[in-house]
Amino acid sequence: MPEFAWRAADASGQISEGRVEAASAHAATRQLRERGLVPVSVADAAAAGAAVAIRPGAVPTGVVRKSFRARTGPVTQAEVLTLTSELSIMLRAGLPLASALRVLIDMSLRPPVAAVLQQVLDDVKHGASLSKALARERALFGEFYLNMVRSGEASGQLSNVLQRLVEHMERLRALRESVISATIYPAILLFVAVVSLVAMLGFVVPQFEKLFNDLGDALPLATRIVMGLGHGFRDWGLVIGIVLGLAGWLSARWLRSPAGTAWWQSTVLRLPVLGGLLLKYQLNLFSRTLGTLLGNGVPMLSALHIATDTMGNQLLRDRLAS
């Protein structure tokens, strides 16, 4: 009979680990619940580290459970997604909110993640709602997240709302990844073209110049232009590189200013192909966010305001707000 490694929490939120023999991961989960434990993860002991997240009331689907890497830096949105998913699982399994938060603190391997969760747990233990506790980290979670949690608390369906929030965040992540993958190929082509041009002017053209000089014939205008560019790159390549680097640095600084950001966000929407792709992404983001908020009972005006704020393009935000 297969053996499964499990990790579960008891009613007080204490994490325990062990192994159990069962016919399937679903059967192993049932055994843990019969012991009064809340399964957090179950993994086939023969599969090296492939932990399967268990959703209460559902047969495990083989989704690999995510874990936090021990590294420094701020809490990322990927970690917020994982926290939300695990919190939803434990609440749906009947674990109290404070106990579920303690489990998440014990499971987190990064100090910044544990610090955020500890602050949330302290506020909850002092009588604050989860939405108010999370609001202390408004910059991390955002208005959309907070309003979703607030609607879940008001309806008494917090675990279900958190699950819908996870599904929404996963859809947005897939949407972002599709946009990035669509722009990677043109960026690679542009990079290769620039490198090829530098290699031609700096190394290939000078070699052909010797050949043409040996022939002694008059060169066509186009060839003379290319030779001149090669001479210029060879003689002034370092200066050109410094000037271009300085220009790039100054441009990057200006684009981070309010005026530069407004100009770029307006210009990028008018670019062929890329502009249309970014516009579709922003409108898709707006519509998905608005639909999720309205579906969870957030009032229309509040939902419109929050969905508008989720758009990354200031020009589109201003037009929707007006």
C-alpha atoms as a PDB file:
ATOM      1  CA  MET A   1       0.000   0.000   0.000  1.00  0.00           C
ATOM      2  CA  PRO A   2       1.380   3.481  -0.864  1.00  0.00           C
ATOM      3  CA  GLU A   3       2.805   5.633   1.893  1.00  0.00           C
ATOM      4  CA  PHE A   4       2.057   9.359   2.134  1.00  0.00           C
ATOM      5  CA  ALA A   5       3.923  12.083   3.991  1.00  0.00           C
ATOM      6  CA  TRP A   6       1.508  14.550   5.549  1.00  0.00           C
ATOM      7  CA  ARG A   7       1.498  17.886   7.297  1.00  0.00           C
ATOM      8  CA  ALA A   8      -1.540  18.952   9.301  1.00  0.00           C
ATOM      9  CA  ALA A   9      -2.742  21.319  11.999  1.00  0.00           C
ATOM     10  CA  ASP A  10      -4.715  20.504  15.122  1.00  0.00           C
ATOM     11  CA  ALA A  11      -7.514  22.592  16.624  1.00  0.00           C
ATOM     12  CA  SER A  12      -4.998  24.851  18.400  1.00  0.00           C
ATOM     13  CA  GLY A  13      -3.094  25.529  15.187  1.00  0.00           C
ATOM     14  CA  GLN A  14      -0.059  23.424  16.042  1.00  0.00           C
ATOM     15  CA  ILE A  15       1.647  21.856  13.024  1.00  0.00           C
ATOM     16  CA  SER A  16       2.507  18.159  13.076  1.00  0.00           C
ATOM     17  CA  GLU A  17       4.035  15.920  10.419  1.00  0.00           C
ATOM     18  CA  GLY A  18       4.150  12.220   9.780  1.00  0.00           C
ATOM     19  CA  ARG A  19       3.523   9.379   7.375  1.00  0.00           C
ATOM     20  CA  VAL A  20       0.474   7.229   6.795  1.00  0.00           C
ATOM     21  CA  GLU A  21      -0.330   4.220   4.632  1.00  0.00           C
ATOM     22  CA  ALA A  22      -3.431   4.639   2.508  1.00  0.00           C
ATOM     23  CA  ALA A  23      -4.850   3.573  -0.833  1.00  0.00           C
ATOM     24  CA  SER A  24      -4.782   7.152  -2.136  1.00  0.00           C
ATOM     25  CA  ALA A  25      -4.079  10.719  -1.104  1.00  0.00           C
ATOM     26  CA  HIS A  26      -7.821  11.212  -0.645  1.00  0.00           C
ATOM     27  CA  ALA A  27      -7.951   8.251   1.742  1.00  0.00           C
ATOM     28  CA  ALA A  28      -4.933   9.599   3.628  1.00  0.00           C
ATOM     29  CA  THR A  29      -6.701  12.931   3.997  1.00  0.00           C
ATOM     30  CA  ARG A  30      -9.800  11.193   5.342  1.00  0.00           C
ATOM     31  CA  GLN A  31      -7.694   9.370   7.944  1.00  0.00           C
ATOM     32  CA  LEU A  32      -6.171  12.646   9.117  1.00  0.00           C
ATOM     33  CA  ARG A  33      -9.584  14.268   9.478  1.00  0.00           C
ATOM     34  CA  GLU A  34     -10.814  11.284  11.471  1.00  0.00           C
ATOM     35  CA  ARG A  35      -7.964  12.050  13.908  1.00  0.00           C
ATOM     36  CA  GLY A  36      -9.241  15.621  14.273  1.00  0.00           C
ATOM     37  CA  LEU A  37      -6.456  17.121  12.156  1.00  0.00           C
ATOM     38  CA  VAL A  38      -6.732  19.666   9.354  1.00  0.00           C
ATOM     39  CA  PRO A  39      -4.609  18.507   6.386  1.00  0.00           C
ATOM     40  CA  VAL A  40      -2.355  21.223   5.008  1.00  0.00           C
ATOM     41  CA  SER A  41      -0.408  19.079   2.550  1.00  0.00           C
ATOM     42  CA  VAL A  42      -0.196  15.434   1.563  1.00  0.00           C
ATOM     43  CA  ALA A  43       2.591  14.032  -0.613  1.00  0.00           C
ATOM     44  CA  ASP A  44       3.407  10.639  -2.026  1.00  0.00           C
ATOM     45  CA  ALA A  45       6.424   9.616   0.048  1.00  0.00           C
ATOM     46  CA  ALA A  46       8.025   8.064  -3.045  1.00  0.00           C
ATOM     47  CA  ALA A  47       7.821  11.345  -4.985  1.00  0.00           C
ATOM     48  CA  ALA A  48      10.673  13.563  -3.832  1.00  0.00           C
ATOM     49  CA  GLY A  49       9.057  16.625  -2.318  1.00  0.00           C
ATOM     50  CA  ALA A  50       5.981  16.727  -4.558  1.00  0.00           C
ATOM     51  CA  ALA A  51       3.451  17.978  -2.011  1.00  0.00           C
ATOM     52  CA  VAL A  52      -0.179  18.043  -3.025  1.00  0.00           C
ATOM     53  CA  ALA A  53      -2.377  20.784  -1.610  1.00  0.00           C
ATOM     54  CA  ILE A  54      -5.648  19.307  -0.367  1.00  0.00           C
ATOM     55  CA  ARG A  55      -8.866  21.169  -0.962  1.00  0.00           C
ATOM     56  CA  PRO A  56     -11.546  20.180   1.579  1.00  0.00           C
ATOM     57  CA  GLY A  57     -14.277  18.076   0.077  1.00  0.00           C
ATOM     58  CA  ALA A  58     -12.414  17.470  -3.199  1.00  0.00           C
ATOM     59  CA  VAL A  59     -10.196  14.760  -4.551  1.00  0.00           C
ATOM     60  CA  PRO A  60      -6.601  15.995  -4.847  1.00  0.00           C
ATOM     61  CA  THR A  61      -5.691  16.961  -8.375  1.00  0.00           C
ATOM     62  CA  GLY A  62      -1.929  16.574  -8.165  1.00  0.00           C
ATOM     63  CA  VAL A  63      -1.198  20.283  -8.034  1.00  0.00           C
ATOM     64  CA  VAL A  64       2.254  20.788  -6.609  1.00  0.00           C
ATOM     65  CA  ARG A  65       2.125  22.752  -3.393  1.00  0.00           C
ATOM     66  CA  LYS A  66       4.157  25.943  -3.406  1.00  0.00           C
ATOM     67  CA  SER A  67       6.522  26.898  -0.632  1.00  0.00           C
ATOM     68  CA  PHE A  68       8.418  30.049   0.169  1.00  0.00           C
ATOM     69  CA  ARG A  69      12.114  30.182  -0.563  1.00  0.00           C
ATOM     70  CA  ALA A  70      14.297  31.422   2.263  1.00  0.00           C
ATOM     71  CA  ARG A  71      15.357  34.743   0.822  1.00  0.00           C
ATOM     72  CA  THR A  72      15.299  38.364   1.840  1.00  0.00           C
ATOM     73  CA  GLY A  73      13.324  41.165   0.245  1.00  0.00           C
ATOM     74  CA  PRO A  74       9.728  42.374   0.350  1.00  0.00           C
ATOM     75  CA  VAL A  75       6.736  40.065   0.210  1.00  0.00           C
ATOM     76  CA  THR A  76       5.850  39.322  -3.407  1.00  0.00           C
ATOM     77  CA  GLN A  77       2.450  38.950  -5.052  1.00  0.00           C
ATOM     78  CA  ALA A  78       3.239  35.283  -5.706  1.00  0.00           C
ATOM     79  CA  GLU A  79       3.587  34.808  -1.945  1.00  0.00           C
ATOM     80  CA  VAL A  80       0.319  36.667  -1.337  1.00  0.00           C
ATOM     81  CA  LEU A  81      -1.353  34.251  -3.774  1.00  0.00           C
ATOM     82  CA  THR A  82       0.078  31.235  -1.951  1.00  0.00           C
ATOM     83  CA  LEU A  83      -0.906  32.627   1.463  1.00  0.00           C
ATOM     84  CA  THR A  84      -4.449  33.274   0.270  1.00  0.00           C
ATOM     85  CA  SER A  85      -4.762  29.779  -1.170  1.00  0.00           C
ATOM     86  CA  GLU A  86      -3.525  28.071   2.000  1.00  0.00           C
ATOM     87  CA  LEU A  87      -5.672  30.275   4.243  1.00  0.00           C
ATOM     88  CA  SER A  88      -8.722  29.407   2.161  1.00  0.00           C
ATOM     89  CA  ILE A  89      -7.962  25.683   2.436  1.00  0.00           C
ATOM     90  CA  MET A  90      -7.642  25.799   6.216  1.00  0.00           C
ATOM     91  CA  LEU A  91     -10.760  27.931   6.750  1.00  0.00           C
ATOM     92  CA  ARG A  92     -12.790  25.620   4.504  1.00  0.00           C
ATOM     93  CA  ALA A  93     -11.526  22.700   6.608  1.00  0.00           C
ATOM     94  CA  GLY A  94     -12.958  24.347   9.737  1.00  0.00           C
ATOM     95  CA  LEU A  95      -9.800  25.729  11.340  1.00  0.00           C
ATOM     96  CA  PRO A  96     -10.387  29.007  13.227  1.00  0.00           C
ATOM     97  CA  LEU A  97      -8.891  32.132  11.658  1.00  0.00           C
ATOM     98  CA  ALA A  98      -6.342  32.727  14.413  1.00  0.00           C
ATOM     99  CA  SER A  99      -5.196  29.113  14.307  1.00  0.00           C
ATOM    100  CA  ALA A 100      -4.926  29.213  10.523  1.00  0.00           C
ATOM    101  CA  LEU A 101      -2.760  32.336  10.729  1.00  0.00           C
ATOM    102  CA  ARG A 102      -0.498  30.644  13.290  1.00  0.00           C
ATOM    103  CA  VAL A 103      -0.109  27.701  10.914  1.00  0.00           C
ATOM    104  CA  LEU A 104       0.862  30.042   8.088  1.00  0.00           C
ATOM    105  CA  ILE A 105       3.452  31.718  10.321  1.00  0.00           C
ATOM    106  CA  ASP A 106       4.953  28.339  11.194  1.00  0.00           C
ATOM    107  CA  MET A 107       5.015  27.341   7.523  1.00  0.00           C
ATOM    108  CA  SER A 108       6.583  30.529   6.182  1.00  0.00           C
ATOM    109  CA  LEU A 109      10.329  30.333   5.635  1.00  0.00           C
ATOM    110  CA  ARG A 110      10.934  34.033   4.993  1.00  0.00           C
ATOM    111  CA  PRO A 111      11.064  36.571   7.838  1.00  0.00           C
ATOM    112  CA  PRO A 112       9.191  39.307   5.900  1.00  0.00           C
ATOM    113  CA  VAL A 113       6.271  36.936   5.277  1.00  0.00           C
ATOM    114  CA  ALA A 114       6.211  35.814   8.906  1.00  0.00           C
ATOM    115  CA  ALA A 115       6.351  39.436  10.106  1.00  0.00           C
ATOM    116  CA  VAL A 116       3.315  40.438   8.035  1.00  0.00           C
ATOM    117  CA  LEU A 117       1.350  37.399   9.213  1.00  0.00           C
ATOM    118  CA  GLN A 118       2.321  37.985  12.835  1.00  0.00           C
ATOM    119  CA  GLN A 119       1.061  41.560  12.666  1.00  0.00           C
ATOM    120  CA  VAL A 120      -2.216  40.362  11.148  1.00  0.00           C
ATOM    121  CA  LEU A 121      -2.548  37.674  13.849  1.00  0.00           C
ATOM    122  CA  ASP A 122      -1.902  40.189  16.650  1.00  0.00           C
ATOM    123  CA  ASP A 123      -4.607  42.501  15.301  1.00  0.00           C
ATOM    124  CA  VAL A 124      -7.088  39.636  14.928  1.00  0.00           C
ATOM    125  CA  LYS A 125      -6.393  38.473  18.498  1.00  0.00           C
ATOM    126  CA  HIS A 126      -7.136  42.024  19.697  1.00  0.00           C
ATOM    127  CA  GLY A 127     -10.578  41.943  18.062  1.00  0.00           C
ATOM    128  CA  ALA A 128      -9.914  43.380  14.602  1.00  0.00           C
ATOM    129  CA  SER A 129     -11.503  41.805  11.560  1.00  0.00           C
ATOM    130  CA  LEU A 130      -9.255  40.212   8.962  1.00  0.00           C
ATOM    131  CA  SER A 131      -9.911  43.029   6.481  1.00  0.00           C
ATOM    132  CA  LYS A 132      -8.940  45.685   9.033  1.00  0.00           C
ATOM    133  CA  ALA A 133      -5.821  43.732   9.993  1.00  0.00           C
ATOM    134  CA  LEU A 134      -4.797  43.398   6.349  1.00  0.00           C
ATOM    135  CA  ALA A 135      -5.474  47.104   5.773  1.00  0.00           C
ATOM    136  CA  ARG A 136      -2.299  47.901   7.729  1.00  0.00           C
ATOM    137  CA  GLU A 137      -0.489  46.461   4.683  1.00  0.00           C
ATOM    138  CA  ARG A 138      -2.661  48.269   2.141  1.00  0.00           C
ATOM    139  CA  ALA A 139       0.244  48.786  -0.262  1.00  0.00           C
ATOM    140  CA  LEU A 140       0.852  45.023  -0.365  1.00  0.00           C
ATOM    141  CA  PHE A 141      -2.710  43.726  -0.644  1.00  0.00           C
ATOM    142  CA  GLY A 142      -4.433  46.601  -2.460  1.00  0.00           C
ATOM    143  CA  GLU A 143      -8.020  47.874  -2.388  1.00  0.00           C
ATOM    144  CA  PHE A 144      -9.347  45.049  -4.531  1.00  0.00           C
ATOM    145  CA  TYR A 145      -8.066  42.375  -2.156  1.00  0.00           C
ATOM    146  CA  LEU A 146      -9.296  44.227   0.941  1.00  0.00           C
ATOM    147  CA  ASN A 147     -12.771  44.769  -0.480  1.00  0.00           C
ATOM    148  CA  MET A 148     -13.053  41.127  -1.457  1.00  0.00           C
ATOM    149  CA  VAL A 149     -12.152  40.066   2.098  1.00  0.00           C
ATOM    150  CA  ARG A 150     -14.569  42.647   3.502  1.00  0.00           C
ATOM    151  CA  SER A 151     -17.403  41.288   1.362  1.00  0.00           C
ATOM    152  CA  GLY A 152     -16.582  37.741   2.489  1.00  0.00           C
ATOM    153  CA  GLU A 153     -16.759  38.769   6.135  1.00  0.00           C
ATOM    154  CA  ALA A 154     -20.078  40.565   5.611  1.00  0.00           C
ATOM    155  CA  SER A 155     -21.633  37.549   3.868  1.00  0.00           C
ATOM    156  CA  GLY A 156     -20.156  34.953   6.224  1.00  0.00           C
ATOM    157  CA  GLN A 157     -18.508  33.211   3.252  1.00  0.00           C
ATOM    158  CA  LEU A 158     -14.899  34.250   3.843  1.00  0.00           C
ATOM    159  CA  SER A 159     -13.345  30.934   2.836  1.00  0.00           C
ATOM    160  CA  ASN A 160     -15.334  30.800  -0.409  1.00  0.00           C
ATOM    161  CA  VAL A 161     -14.505  34.423  -1.223  1.00  0.00           C
ATOM    162  CA  LEU A 162     -10.815  33.740  -0.590  1.00  0.00           C
ATOM    163  CA  GLN A 163     -10.999  30.803  -3.001  1.00  0.00           C
ATOM    164  CA  ARG A 164     -12.596  33.007  -5.662  1.00  0.00           C
ATOM    165  CA  LEU A 165      -9.920  35.586  -4.950  1.00  0.00           C
ATOM    166  CA  VAL A 166      -7.243  32.940  -5.559  1.00  0.00           C
ATOM    167  CA  GLU A 167      -8.873  31.982  -8.860  1.00  0.00           C
ATOM    168  CA  HIS A 168      -8.989  35.648  -9.892  1.00  0.00           C
ATOM    169  CA  MET A 169      -5.336  36.200  -9.006  1.00  0.00           C
ATOM    170  CA  GLU A 170      -4.317  33.068 -10.911  1.00  0.00           C
ATOM    171  CA  ARG A 171      -6.223  34.231 -14.002  1.00  0.00           C
ATOM    172  CA  LEU A 172      -4.524  37.620 -13.854  1.00  0.00           C
ATOM    173  CA  ARG A 173      -1.124  35.985 -13.465  1.00  0.00           C
ATOM    174  CA  ALA A 174      -1.807  33.820 -16.517  1.00  0.00           C
ATOM    175  CA  LEU A 175      -2.897  36.926 -18.418  1.00  0.00           C
ATOM    176  CA  ARG A 176       0.298  38.787 -17.484  1.00  0.00           C
ATOM    177  CA  GLU A 177       2.417  35.804 -18.482  1.00  0.00           C
ATOM    178  CA  SER A 178       0.692  35.608 -21.876  1.00  0.00           C
ATOM    179  CA  VAL A 179       1.388  39.300 -22.505  1.00  0.00           C
ATOM    180  CA  ILE A 180       5.023  38.906 -21.470  1.00  0.00           C
ATOM    181  CA  SER A 181       5.494  35.836 -23.649  1.00  0.00           C
ATOM    182  CA  ALA A 182       3.990  37.699 -26.602  1.00  0.00           C
ATOM    183  CA  THR A 183       6.509  40.545 -26.229  1.00  0.00           C
ATOM    184  CA  ILE A 184       9.606  38.439 -25.536  1.00  0.00           C
ATOM    185  CA  TYR A 185      10.093  37.322 -29.150  1.00  0.00           C
ATOM    186  CA  PRO A 186      10.132  40.862 -30.640  1.00  0.00           C
ATOM    187  CA  ALA A 187      12.488  41.981 -27.863  1.00  0.00           C
ATOM    188  CA  ILE A 188      14.877  39.111 -28.633  1.00  0.00           C
ATOM    189  CA  LEU A 189      14.792  39.976 -32.338  1.00  0.00           C
ATOM    190  CA  LEU A 190      15.596  43.614 -31.585  1.00  0.00           C
ATOM    191  CA  PHE A 191      18.481  42.622 -29.309  1.00  0.00           C
ATOM    192  CA  VAL A 192      19.918  40.242 -31.903  1.00  0.00           C
ATOM    193  CA  ALA A 193      19.609  42.922 -34.601  1.00  0.00           C
ATOM    194  CA  VAL A 194      21.517  45.468 -32.491  1.00  0.00           C
ATOM    195  CA  VAL A 195      24.245  42.964 -31.608  1.00  0.00           C
ATOM    196  CA  SER A 196      24.552  41.938 -35.259  1.00  0.00           C
ATOM    197  CA  LEU A 197      24.846  45.572 -36.358  1.00  0.00           C
ATOM    198  CA  VAL A 198      27.582  46.243 -33.803  1.00  0.00           C
ATOM    199  CA  ALA A 199      29.454  43.107 -34.874  1.00  0.00           C
ATOM    200  CA  MET A 200      29.172  44.037 -38.571  1.00  0.00           C
ATOM    201  CA  LEU A 201      30.408  47.610 -38.127  1.00  0.00           C
ATOM    202  CA  GLY A 202      33.084  46.794 -35.593  1.00  0.00           C
ATOM    203  CA  PHE A 203      34.569  43.570 -36.929  1.00  0.00           C
ATOM    204  CA  VAL A 204      33.243  42.453 -40.326  1.00  0.00           C
ATOM    205  CA  VAL A 205      33.329  45.734 -42.290  1.00  0.00           C
ATOM    206  CA  PRO A 206      37.019  46.450 -41.507  1.00  0.00           C
ATOM    207  CA  GLN A 207      37.937  43.038 -42.939  1.00  0.00           C
ATOM    208  CA  PHE A 208      36.102  43.783 -46.192  1.00  0.00           C
ATOM    209  CA  GLU A 209      37.775  47.193 -46.405  1.00  0.00           C
ATOM    210  CA  LYS A 210      41.172  45.543 -46.864  1.00  0.00           C
ATOM    211  CA  LEU A 211      39.753  43.387 -49.645  1.00  0.00           C
ATOM    212  CA  PHE A 212      38.200  46.360 -51.477  1.00  0.00           C
ATOM    213  CA  ASN A 213      41.422  48.384 -51.178  1.00  0.00           C
ATOM    214  CA  ASP A 214      43.376  45.537 -52.775  1.00  0.00           C
ATOM    215  CA  LEU A 215      40.953  45.461 -55.709  1.00  0.00           C
ATOM    216  CA  GLY A 216      41.495  49.183 -56.351  1.00  0.00           C
ATOM    217  CA  ASP A 217      38.118  49.692 -58.065  1.00  0.00           C
ATOM    218  CA  ALA A 218      35.782  52.598 -57.280  1.00  0.00           C
ATOM    219  CA  LEU A 219      33.249  51.551 -54.655  1.00  0.00           C
ATOM    220  CA  PRO A 220      29.468  52.134 -54.971  1.00  0.00           C
ATOM    221  CA  LEU A 221      27.919  54.848 -52.812  1.00  0.00           C
ATOM    222  CA  ALA A 222      26.147  52.349 -50.530  1.00  0.00           C
ATOM    223  CA  THR A 223      29.414  50.511 -49.905  1.00  0.00           C
ATOM    224  CA  ARG A 224      31.234  53.767 -49.136  1.00  0.00           C
ATOM    225  CA  ILE A 225      28.519  54.708 -46.624  1.00  0.00           C
ATOM    226  CA  VAL A 226      28.883  51.354 -44.869  1.00  0.00           C
ATOM    227  CA  MET A 227      32.672  51.771 -44.830  1.00  0.00           C
ATOM    228  CA  GLY A 228      32.295  55.233 -43.340  1.00  0.00           C
ATOM    229  CA  LEU A 229      30.034  53.898 -40.614  1.00  0.00           C
ATOM    230  CA  GLY A 230      32.591  51.203 -39.897  1.00  0.00           C
ATOM    231  CA  HIS A 231      35.355  53.821 -39.617  1.00  0.00           C
ATOM    232  CA  GLY A 232      33.214  55.939 -37.310  1.00  0.00           C
ATOM    233  CA  PHE A 233      32.337  53.002 -35.089  1.00  0.00           C
ATOM    234  CA  ARG A 234      35.975  51.870 -34.928  1.00  0.00           C
ATOM    235  CA  ASP A 235      37.340  55.344 -34.131  1.00  0.00           C
ATOM    236  CA  TRP A 236      34.537  56.637 -31.927  1.00  0.00           C
ATOM    237  CA  GLY A 237      32.934  53.428 -30.624  1.00  0.00           C
ATOM    238  CA  LEU A 238      33.860  54.074 -26.994  1.00  0.00           C
ATOM    239  CA  VAL A 239      32.562  57.644 -27.098  1.00  0.00           C
ATOM    240  CA  ILE A 240      29.366  56.531 -28.841  1.00  0.00           C
ATOM    241  CA  GLY A 241      28.855  53.845 -26.201  1.00  0.00           C
ATOM    242  CA  ILE A 242      29.299  56.341 -23.352  1.00  0.00           C
ATOM    243  CA  VAL A 243      26.956  58.867 -24.967  1.00  0.00           C
ATOM    244  CA  LEU A 244      24.283  56.221 -25.605  1.00  0.00           C
ATOM    245  CA  GLY A 245      24.612  54.885 -22.055  1.00  0.00           C
ATOM    246  CA  LEU A 246      24.279  58.390 -20.583  1.00  0.00           C
ATOM    247  CA  ALA A 247      21.313  59.132 -22.840  1.00  0.00           C
ATOM    248  CA  GLY A 248      19.659  55.891 -21.774  1.00  0.00           C
ATOM    249  CA  TRP A 249      20.202  56.658 -18.091  1.00  0.00           C
ATOM    250  CA  LEU A 250      18.789  60.189 -18.428  1.00  0.00           C
ATOM    251  CA  SER A 251      15.833  58.884 -20.432  1.00  0.00           C
ATOM    252  CA  ALA A 252      15.087  56.239 -17.795  1.00  0.00           C
ATOM    253  CA  ARG A 253      15.146  58.887 -15.062  1.00  0.00           C
ATOM    254  CA  TRP A 254      12.836  61.160 -17.040  1.00  0.00           C
ATOM    255  CA  LEU A 255      10.417  58.318 -17.791  1.00  0.00           C
ATOM    256  CA  ARG A 256      10.099  57.709 -14.038  1.00  0.00           C
ATOM    257  CA  SER A 257       8.975  61.319 -13.515  1.00  0.00           C
ATOM    258  CA  PRO A 258       5.242  62.169 -13.693  1.00  0.00           C
ATOM    259  CA  ALA A 259       5.627  63.947 -17.046  1.00  0.00           C
ATOM    260  CA  GLY A 260       7.738  61.152 -18.518  1.00  0.00           C
ATOM    261  CA  THR A 261       5.392  58.451 -17.270  1.00  0.00           C
ATOM    262  CA  ALA A 262       2.365  60.239 -18.730  1.00  0.00           C
ATOM    263  CA  TRP A 263       4.124  60.668 -22.087  1.00  0.00           C
ATOM    264  CA  TRP A 264       5.219  57.031 -22.253  1.00  0.00           C
ATOM    265  CA  GLN A 265       1.843  55.604 -21.218  1.00  0.00           C
ATOM    266  CA  SER A 266       0.164  57.727 -23.875  1.00  0.00           C
ATOM    267  CA  THR A 267       2.729  56.860 -26.549  1.00  0.00           C
ATOM    268  CA  VAL A 268       2.879  53.114 -25.919  1.00  0.00           C
ATOM    269  CA  LEU A 269      -0.853  52.745 -26.620  1.00  0.00           C
ATOM    270  CA  ARG A 270      -0.299  54.178 -30.125  1.00  0.00           C
ATOM    271  CA  LEU A 271       2.476  51.741 -31.027  1.00  0.00           C
ATOM    272  CA  PRO A 272       1.591  49.172 -33.711  1.00  0.00           C
ATOM    273  CA  VAL A 273       0.850  45.667 -32.391  1.00  0.00           C
ATOM    274  CA  LEU A 274       2.225  46.361 -28.901  1.00  0.00           C
ATOM    275  CA  GLY A 275      -0.236  49.200 -28.251  1.00  0.00           C
ATOM    276  CA  GLY A 276      -3.237  47.066 -29.133  1.00  0.00           C
ATOM    277  CA  LEU A 277      -1.922  44.198 -27.031  1.00  0.00           C
ATOM    278  CA  LEU A 278      -1.432  46.405 -23.969  1.00  0.00           C
ATOM    279  CA  LEU A 279      -4.854  48.020 -24.410  1.00  0.00           C
ATOM    280  CA  LYS A 280      -6.539  44.600 -24.527  1.00  0.00           C
ATOM    281  CA  TYR A 281      -4.592  43.560 -21.418  1.00  0.00           C
ATOM    282  CA  GLN A 282      -5.660  46.647 -19.459  1.00  0.00           C
ATOM    283  CA  LEU A 283      -9.315  46.332 -20.488  1.00  0.00           C
ATOM    284  CA  ASN A 284      -9.286  42.604 -19.694  1.00  0.00           C
ATOM    285  CA  LEU A 285      -7.831  43.387 -16.269  1.00  0.00           C
ATOM    286  CA  PHE A 286     -10.529  46.012 -15.652  1.00  0.00           C
ATOM    287  CA  SER A 287     -13.426  43.794 -16.730  1.00  0.00           C
ATOM    288  CA  ARG A 288     -12.240  40.743 -14.792  1.00  0.00           C
ATOM    289  CA  THR A 289     -11.719  42.789 -11.630  1.00  0.00           C
ATOM    290  CA  LEU A 290     -15.095  44.516 -11.949  1.00  0.00           C
ATOM    291  CA  GLY A 291     -16.894  41.230 -12.559  1.00  0.00           C
ATOM    292  CA  THR A 292     -15.251  39.573  -9.558  1.00  0.00           C
ATOM    293  CA  LEU A 293     -16.124  42.482  -7.254  1.00  0.00           C
ATOM    294  CA  LEU A 294     -19.746  42.678  -8.395  1.00  0.00           C
ATOM    295  CA  GLY A 295     -20.075  38.904  -8.105  1.00  0.00           C
ATOM    296  CA  ASN A 296     -19.092  39.125  -4.450  1.00  0.00           C
ATOM    297  CA  GLY A 297     -21.557  41.840  -3.490  1.00  0.00           C
ATOM    298  CA  VAL A 298     -19.400  44.957  -3.694  1.00  0.00           C
ATOM    299  CA  PRO A 299     -21.560  48.000  -4.619  1.00  0.00           C
ATOM    300  CA  MET A 300     -21.331  49.169  -8.233  1.00  0.00           C
ATOM    301  CA  LEU A 301     -19.746  52.577  -7.561  1.00  0.00           C
ATOM    302  CA  SER A 302     -17.125  51.131  -5.216  1.00  0.00           C
ATOM    303  CA  ALA A 303     -16.415  48.291  -7.657  1.00  0.00           C
ATOM    304  CA  LEU A 304     -15.939  50.745 -10.553  1.00  0.00           C
ATOM    305  CA  HIS A 305     -13.555  52.858  -8.486  1.00  0.00           C
ATOM    306  CA  ILE A 306     -11.487  49.855  -7.355  1.00  0.00           C
ATOM    307  CA  ALA A 307     -11.406  48.234 -10.815  1.00  0.00           C
ATOM    308  CA  THR A 308     -10.277  51.525 -12.348  1.00  0.00           C
ATOM    309  CA  ASP A 309      -7.429  51.814  -9.825  1.00  0.00           C
ATOM    310  CA  THR A 310      -6.145  48.356 -10.756  1.00  0.00           C
ATOM    311  CA  MET A 311      -5.272  49.560 -14.280  1.00  0.00           C
ATOM    312  CA  GLY A 312      -1.607  50.381 -14.674  1.00  0.00           C
ATOM    313  CA  ASN A 313      -2.050  53.027 -17.383  1.00  0.00           C
ATOM    314  CA  GLN A 314      -2.797  56.483 -15.971  1.00  0.00           C
ATOM    315  CA  LEU A 315      -4.314  57.706 -19.252  1.00  0.00           C
ATOM    316  CA  LEU A 316      -6.881  54.907 -19.238  1.00  0.00           C
ATOM    317  CA  ARG A 317      -7.571  55.452 -15.528  1.00  0.00           C
ATOM    318  CA  ASP A 318      -8.292  59.137 -16.137  1.00  0.00           C
ATOM    319  CA  ARG A 319     -10.606  58.406 -19.057  1.00  0.00           C
ATOM    320  CA  LEU A 320     -12.557  55.778 -17.121  1.00  0.00           C
ATOM    321  CA  ALA A 321     -12.786  58.025 -14.070  1.00  0.00           C
ATOM    322  CA  SER A 322     -14.251  60.814 -16.177  1.00  0.00           C
END
